[in-house]
C-alpha cells in the first residue's frame, strides 16, 4: 500500500515538472514574439538626437547632443527591418568631385607679334581677292563652297598635308592631276592664302614640320615673287566630336600654330589668327560651329570670310 502511494506521488511530481516546463516555454515564446511584434510596428530608422555628458578639462560636466545611430537588434534581422551585414559608417565626409574651371586662353603664343595681321577700319569687298590664290585642305575647300566668296582661285584637296602639298599630284587642272607648285606656276597672283590643318597634327616632330613648311613657302614665293603670303592659322577643333584620331586635339593645334607664327616672324610672312573669331575663348572651337568637330558649317565659313575682309595688309604696310 505504501509503495503504491509513493508511485502516485512520483507521477504527480513528474507531471508537475512537465507542466511547469511547458508553461515556462510558453512564457518565453510569448515574451519574444511580443517584442518582435512591438519592434515591427514601432521601429523608426530616422536619426535620433541623444544627450551626451562629457567631462571637460576642468572636471565639470558638459551636455551636448549627437545624432544617434539606430540600434539594430536580433529581432530586427528576423523582422527584415535591418540588413544582415554589419553597418559600416565612414568617418570621412563625402565630397563632390570638383572639375577644374575653364580659364581664358590666348589663341596665339605671342599676341603682340608683329607678324599678326590686325583688323582694319574698312572691310574690302570680294574684288580684293580677284588676284588671290587659296591653297589648302578640306577646310579651305569648305570655305570656297559655302562662304559665299565670289573671287579668287582655289587649289584645294581633301586630306592635303605638308607632305602631299610638296610633291604629290593632288590638284586638277581640268584634264590632269598636277602638283600644287605646277598649278601655282600656271598664273600670276598678288596674294597667296595658305592653310594647313588637322592632317599635319600627328605626322611630324614640330622642328621637322617647321623646316618643311619653310621650304614649301620659299618655293611658292620663288614661283610668285611679287605675291603677299598670308599664312592662316590652324583652326581649333571641338574635341568631343572628333572621331578620326586622338592626335587631333587643341593642344596640338596650339603647338602647330606656334610653329606657323614663328616661321612668319622669321621669314616676314603675314599671320592670320582665324581663331580670334572662331575660338570659344577657352582654347577650343566655338560650340556647334562644326558638325564633326573639324569642318566649319556654312555660317562659320561666312564668319571666316568676314575676317579675311577686315584683316589684310595695306600697300603702305607692305612697303615697310
C-alpha atoms as a PDB file:
ATOM      1  CA  UNK A   1       0.000   0.000   0.000  1.00  0.00           C
ATOM      2  CA  UNK A   2       2.791   2.430   0.965  1.00  0.00           C
ATOM      3  CA  UNK A   3       4.624   1.521  -2.218  1.00  0.00           C
ATOM      4  CA  UNK A   4       1.520   2.390  -4.322  1.00  0.00           C
ATOM      5  CA  UNK A   5       1.265   5.825  -2.676  1.00  0.00           C
ATOM      6  CA  UNK A   6       4.915   6.561  -3.437  1.00  0.00           C
ATOM      7  CA  UNK A   7       4.362   5.740  -7.131  1.00  0.00           C
ATOM      8  CA  UNK A   8       1.363   8.076  -7.344  1.00  0.00           C
ATOM      9  CA  UNK A   9       3.342  10.919  -5.713  1.00  0.00           C
ATOM     10  CA  UNK A  10       6.242  10.396  -8.116  1.00  0.00           C
ATOM     11  CA  UNK A  11       3.880  10.557 -11.111  1.00  0.00           C
ATOM     12  CA  UNK A  12       2.306  13.747  -9.787  1.00  0.00           C
ATOM     13  CA  UNK A  13       5.773  15.234  -9.275  1.00  0.00           C
ATOM     14  CA  UNK A  14       6.808  14.343 -12.830  1.00  0.00           C
ATOM     15  CA  UNK A  15       3.570  15.748 -14.227  1.00  0.00           C
ATOM     16  CA  UNK A  16       4.031  18.980 -12.308  1.00  0.00           C
ATOM     17  CA  UNK A  17       7.599  19.339 -13.645  1.00  0.00           C
ATOM     18  CA  UNK A  18       6.440  18.813 -17.237  1.00  0.00           C
ATOM     19  CA  UNK A  19       3.606  21.290 -16.755  1.00  0.00           C
ATOM     20  CA  UNK A  20       5.995  23.912 -15.341  1.00  0.00           C
ATOM     21  CA  UNK A  21       8.354  23.347 -18.255  1.00  0.00           C
ATOM     22  CA  UNK A  22       5.553  23.816 -20.783  1.00  0.00           C
ATOM     23  CA  UNK A  23       4.374  26.988 -19.035  1.00  0.00           C
ATOM     24  CA  UNK A  24       7.942  28.344 -18.969  1.00  0.00           C
ATOM     25  CA  UNK A  25       8.451  27.707 -22.695  1.00  0.00           C
ATOM     26  CA  UNK A  26       5.092  29.283 -23.472  1.00  0.00           C
ATOM     27  CA  UNK A  27       6.012  32.400 -21.461  1.00  0.00           C
ATOM     28  CA  UNK A  28       9.368  32.710 -23.267  1.00  0.00           C
ATOM     29  CA  UNK A  29       7.703  32.412 -26.683  1.00  0.00           C
ATOM     30  CA  UNK A  30       5.020  34.909 -25.689  1.00  0.00           C
ATOM     31  CA  UNK A  31       7.563  37.466 -24.478  1.00  0.00           C
ATOM     32  CA  UNK A  32       9.847  37.057 -27.532  1.00  0.00           C
ATOM     33  CA  UNK A  33       7.005  37.230 -30.045  1.00  0.00           C
ATOM     34  CA  UNK A  34       5.563  40.219 -28.252  1.00  0.00           C
ATOM     35  CA  UNK A  35       8.900  42.071 -28.521  1.00  0.00           C
ATOM     36  CA  UNK A  36       9.153  41.145 -32.183  1.00  0.00           C
ATOM     37  CA  UNK A  37       5.663  42.422 -32.999  1.00  0.00           C
ATOM     38  CA  UNK A  38       6.276  45.596 -30.970  1.00  0.00           C
ATOM     39  CA  UNK A  39       9.554  46.220 -32.851  1.00  0.00           C
ATOM     40  CA  UNK A  40       7.923  45.778 -36.247  1.00  0.00           C
ATOM     41  CA  UNK A  41       5.303  48.447 -35.522  1.00  0.00           C
ATOM     42  CA  UNK A  42       7.473  50.921 -33.619  1.00  0.00           C
ATOM     43  CA  UNK A  43      10.876  50.768 -35.369  1.00  0.00           C
ATOM     44  CA  UNK A  44      11.940  54.153 -36.792  1.00  0.00           C
ATOM     45  CA  UNK A  45      15.080  54.333 -38.954  1.00  0.00           C
ATOM     46  CA  UNK A  46      15.290  58.135 -38.789  1.00  0.00           C
ATOM     47  CA  UNK A  47      18.094  59.769 -36.869  1.00  0.00           C
ATOM     48  CA  UNK A  48      17.584  60.299 -33.151  1.00  0.00           C
ATOM     49  CA  UNK A  49      19.165  63.003 -31.027  1.00  0.00           C
ATOM     50  CA  UNK A  50      20.544  61.990 -27.646  1.00  0.00           C
ATOM     51  CA  UNK A  51      22.107  63.958 -24.860  1.00  0.00           C
ATOM     52  CA  UNK A  52      25.713  63.111 -24.149  1.00  0.00           C
ATOM     53  CA  UNK A  53      27.501  64.142 -20.997  1.00  0.00           C
ATOM     54  CA  UNK A  54      31.240  64.731 -21.263  1.00  0.00           C
ATOM     55  CA  UNK A  55      33.752  65.866 -18.723  1.00  0.00           C
ATOM     56  CA  UNK A  56      35.920  68.792 -19.765  1.00  0.00           C
ATOM     57  CA  UNK A  57      39.470  69.515 -18.651  1.00  0.00           C
ATOM     58  CA  UNK A  58      38.255  71.357 -15.514  1.00  0.00           C
ATOM     59  CA  UNK A  59      36.260  68.366 -14.382  1.00  0.00           C
ATOM     60  CA  UNK A  60      32.813  69.901 -14.944  1.00  0.00           C
ATOM     61  CA  UNK A  61      30.115  68.036 -16.805  1.00  0.00           C
ATOM     62  CA  UNK A  62      29.133  69.391 -20.247  1.00  0.00           C
ATOM     63  CA  UNK A  63      25.999  68.292 -22.069  1.00  0.00           C
ATOM     64  CA  UNK A  64      25.817  68.121 -25.870  1.00  0.00           C
ATOM     65  CA  UNK A  65      23.605  66.486 -28.425  1.00  0.00           C
ATOM     66  CA  UNK A  66      24.628  63.935 -31.028  1.00  0.00           C
ATOM     67  CA  UNK A  67      22.880  62.182 -33.841  1.00  0.00           C
ATOM     68  CA  UNK A  68      22.403  58.637 -32.640  1.00  0.00           C
ATOM     69  CA  UNK A  69      22.808  55.636 -34.915  1.00  0.00           C
ATOM     70  CA  UNK A  70      19.752  53.363 -34.867  1.00  0.00           C
ATOM     71  CA  UNK A  71      20.286  50.298 -32.707  1.00  0.00           C
ATOM     72  CA  UNK A  72      19.988  47.055 -34.646  1.00  0.00           C
ATOM     73  CA  UNK A  73      18.862  44.060 -32.629  1.00  0.00           C
ATOM     74  CA  UNK A  74      18.456  40.382 -33.466  1.00  0.00           C
ATOM     75  CA  UNK A  75      14.722  40.847 -33.683  1.00  0.00           C
ATOM     76  CA  UNK A  76      15.186  43.471 -36.397  1.00  0.00           C
ATOM     77  CA  UNK A  77      17.079  40.993 -38.556  1.00  0.00           C
ATOM     78  CA  UNK A  78      14.282  38.486 -38.116  1.00  0.00           C
ATOM     79  CA  UNK A  79      11.652  41.090 -38.956  1.00  0.00           C
ATOM     80  CA  UNK A  80      13.522  42.211 -42.102  1.00  0.00           C
ATOM     81  CA  UNK A  81      13.986  45.739 -40.779  1.00  0.00           C
ATOM     82  CA  UNK A  82      17.783  45.682 -40.907  1.00  0.00           C
ATOM     83  CA  UNK A  83      20.409  44.405 -43.317  1.00  0.00           C
ATOM     84  CA  UNK A  84      22.023  41.126 -42.487  1.00  0.00           C
ATOM     85  CA  UNK A  85      25.509  42.617 -42.860  1.00  0.00           C
ATOM     86  CA  UNK A  86      27.099  44.939 -40.319  1.00  0.00           C
ATOM     87  CA  UNK A  87      26.511  48.642 -40.811  1.00  0.00           C
ATOM     88  CA  UNK A  88      29.678  50.485 -41.859  1.00  0.00           C
ATOM     89  CA  UNK A  89      29.897  54.231 -41.402  1.00  0.00           C
ATOM     90  CA  UNK A  90      32.673  56.308 -42.901  1.00  0.00           C
ATOM     91  CA  UNK A  91      34.459  58.858 -40.798  1.00  0.00           C
ATOM     92  CA  UNK A  92      35.489  60.753 -43.947  1.00  0.00           C
ATOM     93  CA  UNK A  93      32.909  63.284 -45.215  1.00  0.00           C
ATOM     94  CA  UNK A  94      31.778  62.730 -48.755  1.00  0.00           C
ATOM     95  CA  UNK A  95      32.913  65.430 -51.160  1.00  0.00           C
ATOM     96  CA  UNK A  96      31.626  66.099 -54.635  1.00  0.00           C
ATOM     97  CA  UNK A  97      34.134  65.681 -57.451  1.00  0.00           C
ATOM     98  CA  UNK A  98      35.456  69.058 -58.460  1.00  0.00           C
ATOM     99  CA  UNK A  99      36.100  69.972 -62.080  1.00  0.00           C
ATOM    100  CA  UNK A 100      38.787  72.475 -62.817  1.00  0.00           C
ATOM    101  CA  UNK A 101      37.198  75.716 -64.016  1.00  0.00           C
ATOM    102  CA  UNK A 102      37.930  76.829 -67.563  1.00  0.00           C
ATOM    103  CA  UNK A 103      40.279  79.759 -67.975  1.00  0.00           C
ATOM    104  CA  UNK A 104      40.542  82.210 -70.821  1.00  0.00           C
ATOM    105  CA  UNK A 105      43.011  81.147 -73.470  1.00  0.00           C
ATOM    106  CA  UNK A 106      45.117  83.194 -75.904  1.00  0.00           C
ATOM    107  CA  UNK A 107      44.810  81.920 -79.454  1.00  0.00           C
ATOM    108  CA  UNK A 108      48.463  82.653 -80.226  1.00  0.00           C
ATOM    109  CA  UNK A 109      51.640  82.213 -78.194  1.00  0.00           C
ATOM    110  CA  UNK A 110      52.625  85.844 -78.705  1.00  0.00           C
ATOM    111  CA  UNK A 111      49.562  88.074 -79.204  1.00  0.00           C
ATOM    112  CA  UNK A 112      51.842  91.099 -79.639  1.00  0.00           C
ATOM    113  CA  UNK A 113      53.781  89.580 -82.538  1.00  0.00           C
ATOM    114  CA  UNK A 114      54.363  91.992 -85.404  1.00  0.00           C
ATOM    115  CA  UNK A 115      53.588  89.168 -87.874  1.00  0.00           C
ATOM    116  CA  UNK A 116      49.915  89.057 -86.869  1.00  0.00           C
ATOM    117  CA  UNK A 117      47.596  90.880 -89.266  1.00  0.00           C
ATOM    118  CA  UNK A 118      45.489  93.426 -87.373  1.00  0.00           C
ATOM    119  CA  UNK A 119      41.896  94.423 -88.063  1.00  0.00           C
ATOM    120  CA  UNK A 120      41.438  97.286 -90.497  1.00  0.00           C
ATOM    121  CA  UNK A 121      38.853 100.014 -90.094  1.00  0.00           C
ATOM    122  CA  UNK A 122      37.314  99.366 -93.510  1.00  0.00           C
ATOM    123  CA  UNK A 123      36.426  95.997 -94.947  1.00  0.00           C
ATOM    124  CA  UNK A 124      37.369  95.158 -98.513  1.00  0.00           C
ATOM    125  CA  UNK A 125      34.907  93.686-100.990  1.00  0.00           C
ATOM    126  CA  UNK A 126      35.270  90.490-102.980  1.00  0.00           C
ATOM    127  CA  UNK A 127      37.267  92.241-105.711  1.00  0.00           C
ATOM    128  CA  UNK A 128      40.215  92.291-103.310  1.00  0.00           C
ATOM    129  CA  UNK A 129      40.539  88.533-103.849  1.00  0.00           C
ATOM    130  CA  UNK A 130      40.483  88.663-107.642  1.00  0.00           C
ATOM    131  CA  UNK A 131      44.266  88.127-107.791  1.00  0.00           C
ATOM    132  CA  UNK A 132      44.397  85.801-104.794  1.00  0.00           C
ATOM    133  CA  UNK A 133      45.049  82.066-104.734  1.00  0.00           C
ATOM    134  CA  UNK A 134      43.815  79.947-101.852  1.00  0.00           C
ATOM    135  CA  UNK A 135      45.759  76.759-101.114  1.00  0.00           C
ATOM    136  CA  UNK A 136      44.637  74.261 -98.526  1.00  0.00           C
ATOM    137  CA  UNK A 137      42.873  71.131 -97.365  1.00  0.00           C
ATOM    138  CA  UNK A 138      39.187  70.231 -96.950  1.00  0.00           C
ATOM    139  CA  UNK A 139      38.634  73.168 -94.599  1.00  0.00           C
ATOM    140  CA  UNK A 140      39.686  75.575 -97.350  1.00  0.00           C
ATOM    141  CA  UNK A 141      37.530  73.625 -99.790  1.00  0.00           C
ATOM    142  CA  UNK A 142      34.538  74.045 -97.485  1.00  0.00           C
ATOM    143  CA  UNK A 143      35.298  77.762 -97.282  1.00  0.00           C
ATOM    144  CA  UNK A 144      35.221  78.011-101.087  1.00  0.00           C
ATOM    145  CA  UNK A 145      31.919  76.125-101.313  1.00  0.00           C
ATOM    146  CA  UNK A 146      29.893  77.712 -98.500  1.00  0.00           C
ATOM    147  CA  UNK A 147      31.329  81.127 -97.522  1.00  0.00           C
ATOM    148  CA  UNK A 148      29.808  82.968-100.477  1.00  0.00           C
ATOM    149  CA  UNK A 149      33.172  84.215-101.787  1.00  0.00           C
ATOM    150  CA  UNK A 150      32.892  85.096-105.489  1.00  0.00           C
ATOM    151  CA  UNK A 151      36.501  85.883-106.437  1.00  0.00           C
ATOM    152  CA  UNK A 152      39.822  84.050-106.199  1.00  0.00           C
ATOM    153  CA  UNK A 153      41.469  80.875-107.435  1.00  0.00           C
ATOM    154  CA  UNK A 154      41.413  77.756-105.289  1.00  0.00           C
ATOM    155  CA  UNK A 155      43.939  74.911-105.222  1.00  0.00           C
ATOM    156  CA  UNK A 156      42.430  72.595-102.626  1.00  0.00           C
ATOM    157  CA  UNK A 157      42.447  68.904-101.920  1.00  0.00           C
ATOM    158  CA  UNK A 158      40.756  66.803 -99.249  1.00  0.00           C
ATOM    159  CA  UNK A 159      43.460  65.441 -96.945  1.00  0.00           C
ATOM    160  CA  UNK A 160      46.131  67.868 -98.128  1.00  0.00           C
ATOM    161  CA  UNK A 161      49.136  67.889 -95.817  1.00  0.00           C
ATOM    162  CA  UNK A 162      52.599  69.378 -95.840  1.00  0.00           C
ATOM    163  CA  UNK A 163      53.945  66.249 -97.483  1.00  0.00           C
ATOM    164  CA  UNK A 164      51.308  65.994-100.216  1.00  0.00           C
ATOM    165  CA  UNK A 165      51.465  69.749-100.854  1.00  0.00           C
ATOM    166  CA  UNK A 166      55.169  69.401-101.506  1.00  0.00           C
ATOM    167  CA  UNK A 167      55.308  66.670-104.111  1.00  0.00           C
ATOM    168  CA  UNK A 168      52.046  64.829-104.818  1.00  0.00           C
ATOM    169  CA  UNK A 169      49.780  65.410-107.805  1.00  0.00           C
ATOM    170  CA  UNK A 170      46.621  66.396-105.958  1.00  0.00           C
ATOM    171  CA  UNK A 171      45.319  69.417-107.918  1.00  0.00           C
ATOM    172  CA  UNK A 172      43.138  69.071-111.014  1.00  0.00           C
ATOM    173  CA  UNK A 173      43.844  71.430-113.918  1.00  0.00           C
ATOM    174  CA  UNK A 174      40.690  70.309-115.684  1.00  0.00           C
ATOM    175  CA  UNK A 175      42.371  67.468-117.516  1.00  0.00           C
ATOM    176  CA  UNK A 176      45.146  66.015-115.388  1.00  0.00           C
ATOM    177  CA  UNK A 177      46.228  65.924-111.758  1.00  0.00           C
ATOM    178  CA  UNK A 178      49.269  68.098-111.041  1.00  0.00           C
ATOM    179  CA  UNK A 179      51.280  69.272-108.035  1.00  0.00           C
ATOM    180  CA  UNK A 180      50.470  72.472-106.136  1.00  0.00           C
ATOM    181  CA  UNK A 181      53.690  74.054-107.418  1.00  0.00           C
ATOM    182  CA  UNK A 182      52.756  73.246-111.013  1.00  0.00           C
ATOM    183  CA  UNK A 183      49.280  74.687-110.509  1.00  0.00           C
ATOM    184  CA  UNK A 184      50.777  77.818-108.959  1.00  0.00           C
ATOM    185  CA  UNK A 185      53.024  78.236-111.980  1.00  0.00           C
ATOM    186  CA  UNK A 186      50.028  78.492-114.300  1.00  0.00           C
ATOM    187  CA  UNK A 187      49.120  82.083-113.448  1.00  0.00           C
ATOM    188  CA  UNK A 188      50.179  85.324-111.789  1.00  0.00           C
ATOM    189  CA  UNK A 189      48.926  86.041-108.280  1.00  0.00           C
ATOM    190  CA  UNK A 190      49.244  89.007-105.971  1.00  0.00           C
ATOM    191  CA  UNK A 191      48.194  87.171-102.800  1.00  0.00           C
ATOM    192  CA  UNK A 192      48.656  83.623-101.540  1.00  0.00           C
ATOM    193  CA  UNK A 193      46.445  82.346 -98.710  1.00  0.00           C
ATOM    194  CA  UNK A 194      47.959  79.161 -97.331  1.00  0.00           C
ATOM    195  CA  UNK A 195      46.103  76.877 -94.884  1.00  0.00           C
ATOM    196  CA  UNK A 196      47.264  73.621 -93.354  1.00  0.00           C
ATOM    197  CA  UNK A 197      45.391  71.858 -90.587  1.00  0.00           C
ATOM    198  CA  UNK A 198      44.364  68.633 -88.941  1.00  0.00           C
ATOM    199  CA  UNK A 199      46.174  66.406 -91.444  1.00  0.00           C
ATOM    200  CA  UNK A 200      49.539  67.563 -90.102  1.00  0.00           C
ATOM    201  CA  UNK A 201      48.897  67.427 -86.359  1.00  0.00           C
ATOM    202  CA  UNK A 202      50.190  63.909 -85.795  1.00  0.00           C
ATOM    203  CA  UNK A 203      52.659  63.485 -88.635  1.00  0.00           C
ATOM    204  CA  UNK A 204      55.888  65.286 -87.745  1.00  0.00           C
ATOM    205  CA  UNK A 205      58.107  66.471 -84.977  1.00  0.00           C
ATOM    206  CA  UNK A 206      57.453  70.190 -84.654  1.00  0.00           C
ATOM    207  CA  UNK A 207      61.021  71.031 -85.691  1.00  0.00           C
ATOM    208  CA  UNK A 208      60.633  68.811 -88.761  1.00  0.00           C
ATOM    209  CA  UNK A 209      57.335  70.482 -89.636  1.00  0.00           C
ATOM    210  CA  UNK A 210      58.918  73.924 -89.276  1.00  0.00           C
ATOM    211  CA  UNK A 211      61.768  73.208 -91.668  1.00  0.00           C
ATOM    212  CA  UNK A 212      59.429  71.554 -94.186  1.00  0.00           C
ATOM    213  CA  UNK A 213      56.899  74.387 -94.050  1.00  0.00           C
ATOM    214  CA  UNK A 214      59.639  76.977 -94.513  1.00  0.00           C
ATOM    215  CA  UNK A 215      60.895  75.144 -97.607  1.00  0.00           C
ATOM    216  CA  UNK A 216      57.398  74.992 -99.121  1.00  0.00           C
ATOM    217  CA  UNK A 217      56.738  78.701 -98.630  1.00  0.00           C
ATOM    218  CA  UNK A 218      60.111  79.622-100.081  1.00  0.00           C
ATOM    219  CA  UNK A 219      59.343  77.510-103.143  1.00  0.00           C
ATOM    220  CA  UNK A 220      55.911  79.131-103.603  1.00  0.00           C
ATOM    221  CA  UNK A 221      57.412  82.614-103.441  1.00  0.00           C
ATOM    222  CA  UNK A 222      60.053  81.637-105.979  1.00  0.00           C
ATOM    223  CA  UNK A 223      57.171  80.864-108.323  1.00  0.00           C
ATOM    224  CA  UNK A 224      55.203  84.008-107.374  1.00  0.00           C
ATOM    225  CA  UNK A 225      57.867  86.508-106.196  1.00  0.00           C
ATOM    226  CA  UNK A 226      55.514  89.523-106.149  1.00  0.00           C
ATOM    227  CA  UNK A 227      52.809  87.840-104.047  1.00  0.00           C
ATOM    228  CA  UNK A 228      51.960  88.689-100.448  1.00  0.00           C
ATOM    229  CA  UNK A 229      51.924  85.482 -98.422  1.00  0.00           C
ATOM    230  CA  UNK A 230      49.178  85.113 -95.809  1.00  0.00           C
ATOM    231  CA  UNK A 231      49.567  82.076 -93.516  1.00  0.00           C
ATOM    232  CA  UNK A 232      46.227  81.049 -91.993  1.00  0.00           C
ATOM    233  CA  UNK A 233      46.292  79.634 -88.503  1.00  0.00           C
ATOM    234  CA  UNK A 234      45.138  76.076 -87.949  1.00  0.00           C
ATOM    235  CA  UNK A 235      41.538  76.335 -86.720  1.00  0.00           C
ATOM    236  CA  UNK A 236      40.625  74.799 -83.366  1.00  0.00           C
ATOM    237  CA  UNK A 237      38.510  71.642 -83.174  1.00  0.00           C
ATOM    238  CA  UNK A 238      35.622  70.548 -80.980  1.00  0.00           C
ATOM    239  CA  UNK A 239      37.374  67.603 -79.355  1.00  0.00           C
ATOM    240  CA  UNK A 240      34.214  65.829 -78.141  1.00  0.00           C
ATOM    241  CA  UNK A 241      33.035  65.412 -81.741  1.00  0.00           C
ATOM    242  CA  UNK A 242      36.337  64.373 -83.337  1.00  0.00           C
ATOM    243  CA  UNK A 243      36.416  60.686 -84.226  1.00  0.00           C
ATOM    244  CA  UNK A 244      39.411  60.478 -86.579  1.00  0.00           C
ATOM    245  CA  UNK A 245      42.330  60.250 -84.151  1.00  0.00           C
ATOM    246  CA  UNK A 246      43.359  61.298 -80.668  1.00  0.00           C
ATOM    247  CA  UNK A 247      46.198  63.397 -82.141  1.00  0.00           C
ATOM    248  CA  UNK A 248      43.575  65.835 -83.470  1.00  0.00           C
ATOM    249  CA  UNK A 249      43.297  67.929 -80.342  1.00  0.00           C
ATOM    250  CA  UNK A 250      43.634  71.572 -79.415  1.00  0.00           C
ATOM    251  CA  UNK A 251      46.936  71.140 -77.627  1.00  0.00           C
ATOM    252  CA  UNK A 252      48.454  70.047 -80.938  1.00  0.00           C
ATOM    253  CA  UNK A 253      46.663  72.889 -82.720  1.00  0.00           C
ATOM    254  CA  UNK A 254      48.345  75.352 -80.368  1.00  0.00           C
ATOM    255  CA  UNK A 255      51.724  73.722 -80.971  1.00  0.00           C
ATOM    256  CA  UNK A 256      51.319  73.837 -84.762  1.00  0.00           C
ATOM    257  CA  UNK A 257      50.193  77.465 -84.679  1.00  0.00           C
ATOM    258  CA  UNK A 258      53.219  78.404 -82.581  1.00  0.00           C
ATOM    259  CA  UNK A 259      55.406  76.998 -85.361  1.00  0.00           C
ATOM    260  CA  UNK A 260      53.442  78.834 -88.081  1.00  0.00           C
ATOM    261  CA  UNK A 261      53.754  82.119 -86.221  1.00  0.00           C
ATOM    262  CA  UNK A 262      57.489  81.624 -85.694  1.00  0.00           C
ATOM    263  CA  UNK A 263      58.008  80.978 -89.418  1.00  0.00           C
ATOM    264  CA  UNK A 264      56.060  84.136 -90.247  1.00  0.00           C
ATOM    265  CA  UNK A 265      58.192  86.160 -87.824  1.00  0.00           C
ATOM    266  CA  UNK A 266      61.448  84.789 -89.200  1.00  0.00           C
ATOM    267  CA  UNK A 267      60.539  84.969 -92.906  1.00  0.00           C
ATOM    268  CA  UNK A 268      58.463  88.156 -92.951  1.00  0.00           C
ATOM    269  CA  UNK A 269      55.122  86.498 -93.792  1.00  0.00           C
ATOM    270  CA  UNK A 270      51.713  87.615 -92.517  1.00  0.00           C
ATOM    271  CA  UNK A 271      49.860  85.517 -89.960  1.00  0.00           C
ATOM    272  CA  UNK A 272      46.036  85.396 -89.925  1.00  0.00           C
ATOM    273  CA  UNK A 273      44.756  84.333 -86.499  1.00  0.00           C
ATOM    274  CA  UNK A 274      41.430  82.805 -87.554  1.00  0.00           C
ATOM    275  CA  UNK A 275      40.872  81.525 -84.022  1.00  0.00           C
ATOM    276  CA  UNK A 276      40.431  85.138 -82.980  1.00  0.00           C
ATOM    277  CA  UNK A 277      36.838  84.813 -84.256  1.00  0.00           C
ATOM    278  CA  UNK A 278      36.409  81.011 -84.267  1.00  0.00           C
ATOM    279  CA  UNK A 279      37.581  80.217 -80.722  1.00  0.00           C
ATOM    280  CA  UNK A 280      35.193  79.957 -77.766  1.00  0.00           C
ATOM    281  CA  UNK A 281      37.795  81.867 -75.735  1.00  0.00           C
ATOM    282  CA  UNK A 282      38.932  78.762 -73.854  1.00  0.00           C
ATOM    283  CA  UNK A 283      41.191  77.095 -76.420  1.00  0.00           C
ATOM    284  CA  UNK A 284      38.534  75.294 -78.437  1.00  0.00           C
ATOM    285  CA  UNK A 285      36.333  75.768 -81.486  1.00  0.00           C
ATOM    286  CA  UNK A 286      33.044  77.563 -80.822  1.00  0.00           C
ATOM    287  CA  UNK A 287      30.448  75.009 -79.762  1.00  0.00           C
ATOM    288  CA  UNK A 288      28.337  73.750 -82.674  1.00  0.00           C
ATOM    289  CA  UNK A 289      30.418  75.628 -85.264  1.00  0.00           C
ATOM    290  CA  UNK A 290      31.057  72.228 -86.821  1.00  0.00           C
ATOM    291  CA  UNK A 291      29.033  69.023 -87.127  1.00  0.00           C
ATOM    292  CA  UNK A 292      32.069  66.745 -86.969  1.00  0.00           C
ATOM    293  CA  UNK A 293      34.256  68.921 -84.750  1.00  0.00           C
ATOM    294  CA  UNK A 294      36.686  69.781 -87.580  1.00  0.00           C
ATOM    295  CA  UNK A 295      34.971  71.232 -90.666  1.00  0.00           C
ATOM    296  CA  UNK A 296      33.183  74.559 -90.321  1.00  0.00           C
ATOM    297  CA  UNK A 297      29.496  74.935 -91.051  1.00  0.00           C
ATOM    298  CA  UNK A 298      28.403  77.417 -93.721  1.00  0.00           C
ATOM    299  CA  UNK A 299      27.579  80.015 -91.059  1.00  0.00           C
ATOM    300  CA  UNK A 300      31.129  80.000 -89.718  1.00  0.00           C
ATOM    301  CA  UNK A 301      32.700  79.884 -93.173  1.00  0.00           C
ATOM    302  CA  UNK A 302      30.948  83.232 -93.666  1.00  0.00           C
ATOM    303  CA  UNK A 303      32.487  84.405 -90.375  1.00  0.00           C
ATOM    304  CA  UNK A 304      35.887  83.414 -91.767  1.00  0.00           C
ATOM    305  CA  UNK A 305      35.230  85.392 -94.979  1.00  0.00           C
ATOM    306  CA  UNK A 306      34.285  88.490 -93.000  1.00  0.00           C
ATOM    307  CA  UNK A 307      37.500  88.093 -91.025  1.00  0.00           C
ATOM    308  CA  UNK A 308      39.586  87.994 -94.206  1.00  0.00           C
ATOM    309  CA  UNK A 309      37.802  91.107 -95.494  1.00  0.00           C
ATOM    310  CA  UNK A 310      38.789  93.068 -92.384  1.00  0.00           C
ATOM    311  CA  UNK A 311      42.279  91.587 -91.893  1.00  0.00           C
ATOM    312  CA  UNK A 312      44.595  92.474 -94.733  1.00  0.00           C
ATOM    313  CA  UNK A 313      47.833  94.325 -95.283  1.00  0.00           C
ATOM    314  CA  UNK A 314      47.646  97.728 -96.962  1.00  0.00           C
ATOM    315  CA  UNK A 315      50.140  98.767 -99.622  1.00  0.00           C
ATOM    316  CA  UNK A 316      51.785 101.113 -97.098  1.00  0.00           C
ATOM    317  CA  UNK A 317      52.301  98.236 -94.658  1.00  0.00           C
ATOM    318  CA  UNK A 318      53.724  96.024 -97.393  1.00  0.00           C
ATOM    319  CA  UNK A 319      56.392  98.623 -98.141  1.00  0.00           C
ATOM    320  CA  UNK A 320      57.574  98.813 -94.528  1.00  0.00           C
END
